[in-house]
Amino acid sequence: MNKEYWKKVEDALNGVHGHATLLVDGQEINFIRAIVKKNRLGIVTYLAGELNKEWCRPDIDFVEQKFLRPRSAYIYSSADRRQLEKMSARRRKMINAKDPDTKVKYYSLIWESVASIRRHYEKNFSDIKLVEVSG
């Protein structure tokens, strides 16, 4: 997909309401601008018109995960990490604590911007076609 088509997608999804449909490696992907939190807009990913929160789970591999936004987070809060870093390795082992810098990978249905979608999709997919934009 060329820059002109990505610009159309960006223009459609930068407003308050917008919708873009892409055909990515034979899979229909819908991006819809929607409220994702109180007073916060985001771009929600639908695969073939479906939205399934199970695809976000890190412990199960789904084919759909490659179309979602990869994320990572620490398993401990910053306050807990500071406390664990002060402890010796022996003490951490006694309380069965993991390394304070341990992260977990997961997937998100929500994208912050079209630029992040574009980077992810151009890096991971070879066949991207614009089907429809509105908004």
N, C-alpha and C. Protein backbone atom coordinates (compact mmCIF):
# COMPACT_ATOMS: atom_id res chain seq x y z
N MET A 1 0.86 -1.17 0.00
CA MET A 1 0.00 0.00 0.00
C MET A 1 0.91 1.23 0.00
N ASN A 2 0.58 2.20 -0.85
CA ASN A 2 1.45 3.37 -0.97
C ASN A 2 1.08 4.47 0.03
N LYS A 3 1.90 5.52 0.05
CA LYS A 3 1.73 6.62 1.00
C LYS A 3 0.38 7.31 0.86
N GLU A 4 -0.10 7.42 -0.34
CA GLU A 4 -1.38 8.10 -0.60
C GLU A 4 -2.54 7.37 0.10
N TYR A 5 -2.53 6.05 0.02
CA TYR A 5 -3.58 5.27 0.68
C TYR A 5 -3.46 5.34 2.20
N TRP A 6 -2.23 5.30 2.71
CA TRP A 6 -2.05 5.43 4.16
C TRP A 6 -2.52 6.79 4.63
N LYS A 7 -2.32 7.82 3.80
CA LYS A 7 -2.78 9.17 4.16
C LYS A 7 -4.31 9.19 4.25
N LYS A 8 -4.99 8.49 3.35
CA LYS A 8 -6.46 8.40 3.40
C LYS A 8 -6.91 7.71 4.69
N VAL A 9 -6.22 6.64 5.06
CA VAL A 9 -6.55 5.93 6.29
C VAL A 9 -6.33 6.86 7.49
N GLU A 10 -5.22 7.57 7.49
CA GLU A 10 -4.91 8.48 8.59
C GLU A 10 -5.94 9.60 8.70
N ASP A 11 -6.31 10.18 7.57
CA ASP A 11 -7.33 11.24 7.58
C ASP A 11 -8.66 10.74 8.12
N ALA A 12 -9.04 9.52 7.74
CA ALA A 12 -10.31 8.96 8.19
C ALA A 12 -10.30 8.66 9.69
N LEU A 13 -9.17 8.19 10.21
CA LEU A 13 -9.11 7.76 11.61
C LEU A 13 -8.64 8.85 12.57
N ASN A 14 -8.28 10.01 12.07
CA ASN A 14 -7.85 11.10 12.95
C ASN A 14 -9.01 11.92 13.49
N GLY A 15 -10.17 11.81 12.90
CA GLY A 15 -11.32 12.56 13.37
C GLY A 15 -11.97 11.90 14.57
N VAL A 16 -13.14 12.42 14.91
CA VAL A 16 -13.88 11.85 16.04
C VAL A 16 -14.48 10.50 15.66
N HIS A 17 -14.98 10.40 14.45
CA HIS A 17 -15.54 9.15 13.95
C HIS A 17 -14.78 8.79 12.68
N GLY A 18 -14.48 7.55 12.52
CA GLY A 18 -13.80 7.13 11.31
C GLY A 18 -13.77 5.62 11.23
N HIS A 19 -13.58 5.15 10.01
CA HIS A 19 -13.59 3.72 9.76
C HIS A 19 -12.67 3.45 8.57
N ALA A 20 -11.87 2.42 8.66
CA ALA A 20 -11.04 1.99 7.55
C ALA A 20 -11.02 0.47 7.51
N THR A 21 -11.10 -0.06 6.31
CA THR A 21 -11.05 -1.50 6.12
C THR A 21 -9.86 -1.82 5.22
N LEU A 22 -9.02 -2.73 5.69
CA LEU A 22 -7.86 -3.18 4.92
C LEU A 22 -7.97 -4.68 4.68
N LEU A 23 -7.38 -5.12 3.60
CA LEU A 23 -7.26 -6.55 3.31
C LEU A 23 -5.78 -6.88 3.49
N VAL A 24 -5.47 -7.60 4.55
CA VAL A 24 -4.08 -7.87 4.92
C VAL A 24 -3.83 -9.37 4.84
N ASP A 25 -3.00 -9.76 3.89
CA ASP A 25 -2.70 -11.19 3.66
C ASP A 25 -3.98 -12.02 3.61
N GLY A 26 -4.99 -11.51 2.93
CA GLY A 26 -6.24 -12.23 2.75
C GLY A 26 -7.23 -12.10 3.89
N GLN A 27 -6.87 -11.42 4.96
CA GLN A 27 -7.74 -11.25 6.14
C GLN A 27 -8.31 -9.83 6.14
N GLU A 28 -9.61 -9.70 6.32
CA GLU A 28 -10.24 -8.38 6.38
C GLU A 28 -10.08 -7.80 7.79
N ILE A 29 -9.45 -6.62 7.86
CA ILE A 29 -9.21 -5.94 9.13
C ILE A 29 -9.94 -4.61 9.11
N ASN A 30 -10.76 -4.37 10.13
CA ASN A 30 -11.49 -3.10 10.26
C ASN A 30 -10.90 -2.31 11.42
N PHE A 31 -10.63 -1.04 11.17
CA PHE A 31 -10.18 -0.12 12.21
C PHE A 31 -11.26 0.93 12.39
N ILE A 32 -11.72 1.08 13.63
CA ILE A 32 -12.80 2.02 13.92
C ILE A 32 -12.37 2.95 15.04
N ARG A 33 -12.53 4.24 14.81
CA ARG A 33 -12.24 5.24 15.84
C ARG A 33 -13.38 5.21 16.84
N ALA A 34 -13.08 4.99 18.12
CA ALA A 34 -14.12 4.84 19.13
C ALA A 34 -13.59 5.30 20.49
N ILE A 35 -14.51 5.48 21.42
CA ILE A 35 -14.14 5.80 22.79
C ILE A 35 -13.66 4.51 23.45
N VAL A 36 -12.43 4.53 23.98
CA VAL A 36 -11.86 3.34 24.59
C VAL A 36 -11.78 3.46 26.11
N LYS A 37 -11.76 4.66 26.62
CA LYS A 37 -11.81 4.93 28.05
C LYS A 37 -12.57 6.23 28.22
N LYS A 38 -12.82 6.58 29.44
CA LYS A 38 -13.55 7.82 29.70
C LYS A 38 -12.78 9.00 29.09
N ASN A 39 -13.43 9.73 28.19
CA ASN A 39 -12.86 10.90 27.52
C ASN A 39 -11.60 10.60 26.71
N ARG A 40 -11.47 9.37 26.20
CA ARG A 40 -10.28 9.02 25.43
C ARG A 40 -10.66 8.22 24.20
N LEU A 41 -10.17 8.67 23.05
CA LEU A 41 -10.42 7.97 21.80
C LEU A 41 -9.25 7.06 21.45
N GLY A 42 -9.55 6.00 20.73
CA GLY A 42 -8.52 5.09 20.25
C GLY A 42 -9.01 4.44 18.97
N ILE A 43 -8.17 3.65 18.38
CA ILE A 43 -8.52 2.94 17.15
C ILE A 43 -8.66 1.46 17.50
N VAL A 44 -9.86 0.94 17.37
CA VAL A 44 -10.16 -0.44 17.76
C VAL A 44 -10.05 -1.35 16.54
N THR A 45 -9.46 -2.53 16.74
CA THR A 45 -9.23 -3.49 15.66
C THR A 45 -10.32 -4.56 15.67
N TYR A 46 -10.94 -4.76 14.52
CA TYR A 46 -11.91 -5.84 14.33
C TYR A 46 -11.37 -6.73 13.22
N LEU A 47 -11.36 -8.03 13.44
CA LEU A 47 -10.92 -8.98 12.43
C LEU A 47 -12.13 -9.67 11.84
N ALA A 48 -12.36 -9.40 10.56
CA ALA A 48 -13.53 -9.93 9.85
C ALA A 48 -14.82 -9.59 10.60
N GLY A 49 -14.87 -8.39 11.15
CA GLY A 49 -16.06 -7.92 11.85
C GLY A 49 -16.19 -8.42 13.28
N GLU A 50 -15.21 -9.18 13.76
CA GLU A 50 -15.27 -9.75 15.10
C GLU A 50 -14.31 -9.04 16.04
N LEU A 51 -14.71 -9.01 17.30
CA LEU A 51 -13.88 -8.45 18.37
C LEU A 51 -13.90 -9.47 19.50
N ASN A 52 -12.74 -10.05 19.80
CA ASN A 52 -12.68 -11.10 20.81
C ASN A 52 -11.54 -10.81 21.76
N LYS A 53 -11.85 -10.59 23.02
CA LYS A 53 -10.81 -10.25 24.00
C LYS A 53 -9.89 -11.43 24.30
N GLU A 54 -10.29 -12.64 23.96
CA GLU A 54 -9.45 -13.82 24.18
C GLU A 54 -8.16 -13.74 23.35
N TRP A 55 -8.20 -13.04 22.22
CA TRP A 55 -7.02 -12.92 21.36
C TRP A 55 -5.89 -12.17 22.08
N CYS A 56 -6.20 -11.41 23.10
CA CYS A 56 -5.21 -10.60 23.82
C CYS A 56 -4.39 -11.39 24.82
N ARG A 57 -4.83 -12.58 25.14
CA ARG A 57 -4.17 -13.39 26.18
C ARG A 57 -2.76 -13.80 25.75
N PRO A 58 -1.79 -13.63 26.65
CA PRO A 58 -0.42 -13.99 26.30
C PRO A 58 -0.12 -15.48 26.42
N ASP A 59 -0.92 -16.20 27.18
CA ASP A 59 -0.64 -17.61 27.44
C ASP A 59 -1.15 -18.56 26.35
N ILE A 60 -1.97 -18.05 25.44
CA ILE A 60 -2.50 -18.87 24.36
C ILE A 60 -2.15 -18.20 23.03
N ASP A 61 -1.67 -18.99 22.08
CA ASP A 61 -1.33 -18.44 20.77
C ASP A 61 -2.54 -18.51 19.85
N PHE A 62 -2.90 -17.37 19.30
CA PHE A 62 -3.96 -17.28 18.31
C PHE A 62 -3.37 -16.73 17.02
N VAL A 63 -3.88 -17.16 15.90
CA VAL A 63 -3.44 -16.64 14.60
C VAL A 63 -3.74 -15.14 14.51
N GLU A 64 -4.83 -14.72 15.13
CA GLU A 64 -5.26 -13.33 15.07
C GLU A 64 -4.32 -12.36 15.79
N GLN A 65 -3.47 -12.86 16.68
CA GLN A 65 -2.60 -11.99 17.46
C GLN A 65 -1.63 -11.19 16.60
N LYS A 66 -1.26 -11.72 15.45
CA LYS A 66 -0.31 -11.00 14.61
C LYS A 66 -0.91 -9.71 14.05
N PHE A 67 -2.24 -9.58 14.05
CA PHE A 67 -2.89 -8.36 13.56
C PHE A 67 -3.11 -7.33 14.67
N LEU A 68 -2.85 -7.72 15.92
CA LEU A 68 -3.11 -6.85 17.06
C LEU A 68 -1.83 -6.13 17.49
N ARG A 69 -1.98 -5.17 18.37
CA ARG A 69 -0.86 -4.36 18.85
C ARG A 69 -0.10 -5.12 19.94
N PRO A 70 1.17 -5.46 19.69
CA PRO A 70 1.96 -6.15 20.72
C PRO A 70 2.33 -5.17 21.84
N ARG A 71 2.21 -5.63 23.07
CA ARG A 71 2.51 -4.79 24.24
C ARG A 71 3.30 -5.61 25.25
N SER A 72 3.90 -4.93 26.20
CA SER A 72 4.54 -5.62 27.32
C SER A 72 4.40 -4.75 28.56
N ALA A 73 4.43 -5.41 29.72
CA ALA A 73 4.28 -4.70 30.98
C ALA A 73 5.03 -5.47 32.07
N TYR A 74 5.50 -4.74 33.06
CA TYR A 74 6.13 -5.38 34.20
C TYR A 74 5.07 -6.15 34.99
N ILE A 75 5.49 -7.27 35.59
CA ILE A 75 4.53 -8.04 36.39
C ILE A 75 4.34 -7.42 37.77
N TYR A 76 5.29 -6.60 38.20
CA TYR A 76 5.18 -5.91 39.48
C TYR A 76 5.03 -4.41 39.25
N SER A 77 4.36 -3.74 40.17
CA SER A 77 4.24 -2.28 40.10
C SER A 77 5.61 -1.66 40.38
N SER A 78 5.77 -0.39 40.09
CA SER A 78 7.08 0.26 40.30
C SER A 78 7.46 0.27 41.78
N ALA A 79 6.49 0.44 42.67
CA ALA A 79 6.78 0.42 44.11
C ALA A 79 7.25 -0.97 44.54
N ASP A 80 6.59 -2.01 44.05
CA ASP A 80 7.00 -3.38 44.39
C ASP A 80 8.37 -3.70 43.80
N ARG A 81 8.64 -3.21 42.60
CA ARG A 81 9.94 -3.45 41.98
C ARG A 81 11.06 -2.81 42.80
N ARG A 82 10.82 -1.60 43.28
CA ARG A 82 11.82 -0.93 44.12
C ARG A 82 12.10 -1.74 45.39
N GLN A 83 11.05 -2.25 46.01
CA GLN A 83 11.22 -3.07 47.22
C GLN A 83 11.99 -4.35 46.92
N LEU A 84 11.63 -5.01 45.83
CA LEU A 84 12.29 -6.26 45.47
C LEU A 84 13.76 -6.04 45.11
N GLU A 85 14.07 -4.92 44.50
CA GLU A 85 15.46 -4.63 44.14
C GLU A 85 16.33 -4.43 45.38
N LYS A 86 15.73 -3.98 46.47
CA LYS A 86 16.47 -3.78 47.72
C LYS A 86 16.76 -5.11 48.43
N MET A 87 15.94 -6.12 48.13
CA MET A 87 16.12 -7.43 48.76
C MET A 87 17.25 -8.21 48.12
N SER A 88 17.81 -9.10 48.90
CA SER A 88 18.82 -9.99 48.35
C SER A 88 18.14 -11.07 47.52
N ALA A 89 18.92 -11.72 46.68
CA ALA A 89 18.37 -12.80 45.85
C ALA A 89 17.86 -13.94 46.72
N ARG A 90 18.55 -14.17 47.83
CA ARG A 90 18.14 -15.24 48.75
C ARG A 90 16.77 -14.93 49.36
N ARG A 91 16.56 -13.69 49.77
CA ARG A 91 15.28 -13.28 50.36
C ARG A 91 14.16 -13.37 49.32
N ARG A 92 14.45 -12.93 48.09
CA ARG A 92 13.44 -13.03 47.02
C ARG A 92 13.05 -14.48 46.78
N LYS A 93 14.04 -15.38 46.85
CA LYS A 93 13.75 -16.79 46.64
C LYS A 93 12.88 -17.35 47.76
N MET A 94 13.10 -16.87 48.98
CA MET A 94 12.31 -17.33 50.12
C MET A 94 10.83 -16.96 49.99
N ILE A 95 10.55 -15.80 49.42
CA ILE A 95 9.16 -15.38 49.27
C ILE A 95 8.59 -15.72 47.89
N ASN A 96 9.35 -16.51 47.13
CA ASN A 96 8.95 -16.94 45.78
C ASN A 96 8.66 -15.78 44.84
N ALA A 97 9.45 -14.73 44.94
CA ALA A 97 9.29 -13.58 44.04
C ALA A 97 10.14 -13.79 42.80
N LYS A 98 9.62 -13.33 41.69
CA LYS A 98 10.37 -13.39 40.44
C LYS A 98 11.29 -12.18 40.35
N ASP A 99 12.12 -12.17 39.34
CA ASP A 99 13.00 -11.04 39.09
C ASP A 99 12.15 -9.78 38.94
N PRO A 100 12.53 -8.68 39.59
CA PRO A 100 11.71 -7.46 39.52
C PRO A 100 11.56 -6.89 38.11
N ASP A 101 12.48 -7.22 37.22
CA ASP A 101 12.41 -6.69 35.86
C ASP A 101 11.69 -7.63 34.89
N THR A 102 11.02 -8.63 35.40
CA THR A 102 10.28 -9.57 34.56
C THR A 102 9.08 -8.87 33.92
N LYS A 103 8.93 -9.09 32.63
CA LYS A 103 7.81 -8.50 31.89
C LYS A 103 6.95 -9.61 31.30
N VAL A 104 5.72 -9.27 31.02
CA VAL A 104 4.82 -10.19 30.35
C VAL A 104 4.39 -9.53 29.03
N LYS A 105 4.33 -10.33 27.97
CA LYS A 105 3.88 -9.82 26.67
C LYS A 105 2.40 -10.13 26.53
N TYR A 106 1.68 -9.19 25.95
CA TYR A 106 0.27 -9.40 25.66
C TYR A 106 -0.08 -8.61 24.41
N TYR A 107 -1.33 -8.68 24.00
CA TYR A 107 -1.75 -8.02 22.77
C TYR A 107 -2.95 -7.12 23.07
N SER A 108 -3.02 -6.02 22.36
CA SER A 108 -4.10 -5.06 22.57
C SER A 108 -4.91 -4.89 21.29
N LEU A 109 -6.21 -4.76 21.45
CA LEU A 109 -7.09 -4.48 20.32
C LEU A 109 -7.09 -3.00 19.96
N ILE A 110 -6.48 -2.18 20.80
CA ILE A 110 -6.54 -0.73 20.65
C ILE A 110 -5.19 -0.18 20.21
N TRP A 111 -5.23 0.67 19.20
CA TRP A 111 -4.05 1.35 18.70
C TRP A 111 -4.15 2.83 19.06
N GLU A 112 -3.01 3.46 19.29
CA GLU A 112 -2.99 4.88 19.64
C GLU A 112 -3.03 5.77 18.39
N SER A 113 -2.39 5.32 17.32
CA SER A 113 -2.30 6.16 16.12
C SER A 113 -2.19 5.30 14.87
N VAL A 114 -2.44 5.93 13.74
CA VAL A 114 -2.32 5.25 12.45
C VAL A 114 -0.84 4.98 12.16
N ALA A 115 0.04 5.84 12.64
CA ALA A 115 1.48 5.64 12.42
C ALA A 115 1.95 4.33 13.04
N SER A 116 1.47 4.00 14.23
CA SER A 116 1.87 2.74 14.86
C SER A 116 1.28 1.55 14.12
N ILE A 117 0.07 1.70 13.60
CA ILE A 117 -0.53 0.63 12.78
C ILE A 117 0.32 0.41 11.54
N ARG A 118 0.65 1.50 10.88
CA ARG A 118 1.43 1.43 9.63
C ARG A 118 2.78 0.76 9.87
N ARG A 119 3.49 1.17 10.92
CA ARG A 119 4.80 0.57 11.20
C ARG A 119 4.69 -0.94 11.44
N HIS A 120 3.71 -1.32 12.24
CA HIS A 120 3.55 -2.74 12.55
C HIS A 120 3.16 -3.54 11.30
N TYR A 121 2.22 -3.03 10.54
CA TYR A 121 1.72 -3.78 9.39
C TYR A 121 2.73 -3.84 8.25
N GLU A 122 3.46 -2.74 8.00
CA GLU A 122 4.47 -2.78 6.94
C GLU A 122 5.63 -3.69 7.32
N LYS A 123 5.93 -3.78 8.59
CA LYS A 123 7.03 -4.63 9.06
C LYS A 123 6.66 -6.11 8.99
N ASN A 124 5.39 -6.45 9.26
CA ASN A 124 4.99 -7.84 9.41
C ASN A 124 4.20 -8.45 8.26
N PHE A 125 3.69 -7.63 7.34
CA PHE A 125 2.85 -8.15 6.27
C PHE A 125 3.33 -7.64 4.92
N SER A 126 3.22 -8.49 3.91
CA SER A 126 3.67 -8.10 2.57
C SER A 126 2.52 -7.63 1.68
N ASP A 127 1.32 -8.14 1.91
CA ASP A 127 0.19 -7.83 1.04
C ASP A 127 -0.87 -7.04 1.83
N ILE A 128 -0.86 -5.70 1.67
CA ILE A 128 -1.81 -4.82 2.34
C ILE A 128 -2.56 -4.03 1.27
N LYS A 129 -3.89 -4.12 1.30
CA LYS A 129 -4.71 -3.39 0.33
C LYS A 129 -5.79 -2.60 1.05
N LEU A 130 -6.05 -1.41 0.57
CA LEU A 130 -7.11 -0.58 1.10
C LEU A 130 -8.43 -0.99 0.47
N VAL A 131 -9.43 -1.29 1.27
CA VAL A 131 -10.73 -1.68 0.76
C VAL A 131 -11.69 -0.50 0.83
N GLU A 132 -11.74 0.17 2.00
CA GLU A 132 -12.72 1.24 2.20
C GLU A 132 -12.28 2.16 3.32
N VAL A 133 -12.55 3.45 3.18
CA VAL A 133 -12.35 4.41 4.25
C VAL A 133 -13.58 5.31 4.32
N SER A 134 -13.91 5.76 5.52
CA SER A 134 -14.99 6.73 5.68
C SER A 134 -14.74 7.50 6.97
N GLY A 135 -15.16 8.73 6.95
CA GLY A 135 -15.02 9.54 8.16
C GLY A 135 -14.32 10.78 7.95
